[in-house]
Amino acid sequence: MEERFLPIGIQDFDIVVENSLTQIDANGYSQQFAVSGKAMYKIGVVFSSVGKGILGWKIK
């Protein structure tokens, strides 16, 4: 079964979640998939380096 969407994600430690999404655009991670015709979701996830868990996440 072919997926109709394409998730593109990046994970970081102890930063603001918007910075994580900025990295996706700045590094061109999504450009190579833009021609696929699929809906694209950019996902930024920030993990805590001190404790276990997610500090934040955002989908764009």
N, C-alpha and C. Protein backbone atom coordinates (compact mmCIF):
# COMPACT_ATOMS: atom_id res chain seq x y z
N MET A 1 0.84 -1.19 0.00
CA MET A 1 0.00 0.00 0.00
C MET A 1 0.88 1.25 0.00
N GLU A 2 0.67 2.10 -0.94
CA GLU A 2 1.48 3.31 -1.05
C GLU A 2 0.93 4.42 -0.16
N GLU A 3 1.81 5.07 0.55
CA GLU A 3 1.42 6.18 1.42
C GLU A 3 1.11 7.42 0.59
N ARG A 4 0.14 8.22 1.04
CA ARG A 4 -0.22 9.44 0.33
C ARG A 4 0.44 10.67 0.93
N PHE A 5 1.23 10.46 1.95
CA PHE A 5 1.93 11.58 2.57
C PHE A 5 3.36 11.17 2.84
N LEU A 6 4.18 12.17 3.10
CA LEU A 6 5.60 11.93 3.31
C LEU A 6 6.05 12.70 4.55
N PRO A 7 6.32 12.00 5.66
CA PRO A 7 6.81 12.71 6.84
C PRO A 7 8.31 12.97 6.73
N ILE A 8 8.72 14.18 7.05
CA ILE A 8 10.14 14.54 7.09
C ILE A 8 10.40 15.08 8.48
N GLY A 9 11.28 14.45 9.22
CA GLY A 9 11.47 14.85 10.60
C GLY A 9 12.92 15.08 10.97
N ILE A 10 13.07 15.81 12.03
CA ILE A 10 14.39 16.04 12.61
C ILE A 10 14.21 16.06 14.12
N GLN A 11 15.18 15.53 14.81
CA GLN A 11 15.13 15.53 16.27
C GLN A 11 16.37 16.19 16.83
N ASP A 12 16.18 16.93 17.89
CA ASP A 12 17.28 17.66 18.52
C ASP A 12 17.15 17.54 20.03
N PHE A 13 18.17 18.01 20.71
CA PHE A 13 18.17 18.01 22.17
C PHE A 13 18.24 19.44 22.69
N ASP A 14 17.35 19.77 23.61
CA ASP A 14 17.38 21.02 24.38
C ASP A 14 17.41 22.30 23.54
N ILE A 15 16.65 22.35 22.47
CA ILE A 15 16.53 23.60 21.71
C ILE A 15 15.05 23.95 21.59
N VAL A 16 14.77 25.09 21.01
CA VAL A 16 13.39 25.49 20.76
C VAL A 16 12.90 24.70 19.54
N VAL A 17 11.68 24.18 19.63
CA VAL A 17 11.18 23.31 18.57
C VAL A 17 11.13 24.01 17.20
N GLU A 18 10.92 25.31 17.17
CA GLU A 18 10.91 26.04 15.89
C GLU A 18 12.28 25.97 15.21
N ASN A 19 13.34 25.93 16.01
CA ASN A 19 14.69 25.80 15.44
C ASN A 19 14.85 24.47 14.73
N SER A 20 14.21 23.46 15.26
CA SER A 20 14.26 22.14 14.65
C SER A 20 13.61 22.16 13.27
N LEU A 21 12.47 22.84 13.16
CA LEU A 21 11.80 22.95 11.87
C LEU A 21 12.60 23.82 10.90
N THR A 22 13.24 24.84 11.41
CA THR A 22 14.07 25.71 10.57
C THR A 22 15.20 24.91 9.94
N GLN A 23 15.75 23.95 10.68
CA GLN A 23 16.84 23.13 10.15
C GLN A 23 16.39 22.31 8.95
N ILE A 24 15.14 21.84 8.95
CA ILE A 24 14.62 21.07 7.82
C ILE A 24 14.67 21.93 6.56
N ASP A 25 14.21 23.18 6.67
CA ASP A 25 14.21 24.08 5.51
C ASP A 25 15.63 24.53 5.15
N ALA A 26 16.42 24.91 6.14
CA ALA A 26 17.76 25.44 5.88
C ALA A 26 18.69 24.41 5.24
N ASN A 27 18.52 23.15 5.61
CA ASN A 27 19.40 22.11 5.08
C ASN A 27 18.81 21.43 3.83
N GLY A 28 17.63 21.86 3.42
CA GLY A 28 17.04 21.32 2.19
C GLY A 28 16.59 19.88 2.28
N TYR A 29 16.29 19.39 3.48
CA TYR A 29 15.90 18.00 3.64
C TYR A 29 14.63 17.65 2.87
N SER A 30 13.73 18.61 2.71
CA SER A 30 12.45 18.32 2.05
C SER A 30 12.49 18.55 0.54
N GLN A 31 13.49 19.24 0.04
CA GLN A 31 13.54 19.59 -1.38
C GLN A 31 13.57 18.37 -2.30
N GLN A 32 14.29 17.34 -1.91
CA GLN A 32 14.41 16.18 -2.77
C GLN A 32 13.11 15.39 -2.89
N PHE A 33 12.19 15.61 -1.95
CA PHE A 33 10.92 14.91 -1.98
C PHE A 33 9.77 15.75 -2.51
N ALA A 34 10.02 17.03 -2.77
CA ALA A 34 8.98 17.95 -3.20
C ALA A 34 8.34 17.52 -4.53
N VAL A 35 9.07 16.85 -5.36
CA VAL A 35 8.55 16.44 -6.67
C VAL A 35 7.72 15.16 -6.61
N SER A 36 7.61 14.55 -5.44
CA SER A 36 6.89 13.28 -5.32
C SER A 36 5.38 13.44 -5.51
N GLY A 37 4.86 14.66 -5.31
CA GLY A 37 3.42 14.88 -5.43
C GLY A 37 2.64 14.50 -4.19
N LYS A 38 3.31 14.03 -3.18
CA LYS A 38 2.66 13.63 -1.94
C LYS A 38 2.58 14.82 -0.99
N ALA A 39 1.59 14.80 -0.12
CA ALA A 39 1.51 15.82 0.93
C ALA A 39 2.72 15.63 1.85
N MET A 40 3.36 16.72 2.21
CA MET A 40 4.56 16.64 3.03
C MET A 40 4.30 17.24 4.40
N TYR A 41 4.71 16.54 5.43
CA TYR A 41 4.60 17.02 6.81
C TYR A 41 5.99 17.12 7.40
N LYS A 42 6.35 18.31 7.83
CA LYS A 42 7.64 18.53 8.48
C LYS A 42 7.42 18.41 9.98
N ILE A 43 8.18 17.54 10.61
CA ILE A 43 7.98 17.23 12.03
C ILE A 43 9.27 17.53 12.79
N GLY A 44 9.18 18.42 13.77
CA GLY A 44 10.30 18.72 14.63
C GLY A 44 10.04 18.19 16.03
N VAL A 45 10.98 17.47 16.58
CA VAL A 45 10.85 16.91 17.93
C VAL A 45 12.09 17.27 18.72
N VAL A 46 11.87 17.76 19.95
CA VAL A 46 12.98 18.14 20.82
C VAL A 46 12.93 17.28 22.07
N PHE A 47 14.04 16.62 22.34
CA PHE A 47 14.15 15.74 23.50
C PHE A 47 14.98 16.40 24.60
N SER A 48 14.74 16.02 25.82
CA SER A 48 15.51 16.51 26.96
C SER A 48 16.79 15.71 27.08
N SER A 49 17.91 16.39 27.25
CA SER A 49 19.17 15.68 27.46
C SER A 49 19.37 15.34 28.93
N VAL A 50 18.56 15.93 29.79
CA VAL A 50 18.69 15.70 31.23
C VAL A 50 17.81 14.53 31.67
N GLY A 51 16.55 14.63 31.37
CA GLY A 51 15.62 13.58 31.76
C GLY A 51 15.07 12.89 30.54
N LYS A 52 14.33 11.85 30.79
CA LYS A 52 13.71 11.15 29.67
C LYS A 52 12.45 11.91 29.26
N GLY A 53 12.26 12.06 28.00
CA GLY A 53 11.02 12.66 27.55
C GLY A 53 11.20 13.68 26.45
N ILE A 54 10.07 14.09 25.94
CA ILE A 54 10.01 15.06 24.87
C ILE A 54 9.72 16.43 25.47
N LEU A 55 10.52 17.43 25.09
CA LEU A 55 10.31 18.80 25.55
C LEU A 55 9.28 19.51 24.68
N GLY A 56 9.20 19.13 23.43
CA GLY A 56 8.23 19.76 22.53
C GLY A 56 8.25 19.12 21.16
N TRP A 57 7.17 19.34 20.43
CA TRP A 57 7.09 18.85 19.06
C TRP A 57 6.14 19.75 18.28
N LYS A 58 6.34 19.78 16.99
CA LYS A 58 5.51 20.61 16.14
C LYS A 58 5.47 20.02 14.74
N ILE A 59 4.31 20.09 14.12
CA ILE A 59 4.13 19.63 12.76
C ILE A 59 3.81 20.82 11.89
N LYS A 60 4.48 20.92 10.77
CA LYS A 60 4.28 22.06 9.87
C LYS A 60 3.91 21.54 8.50
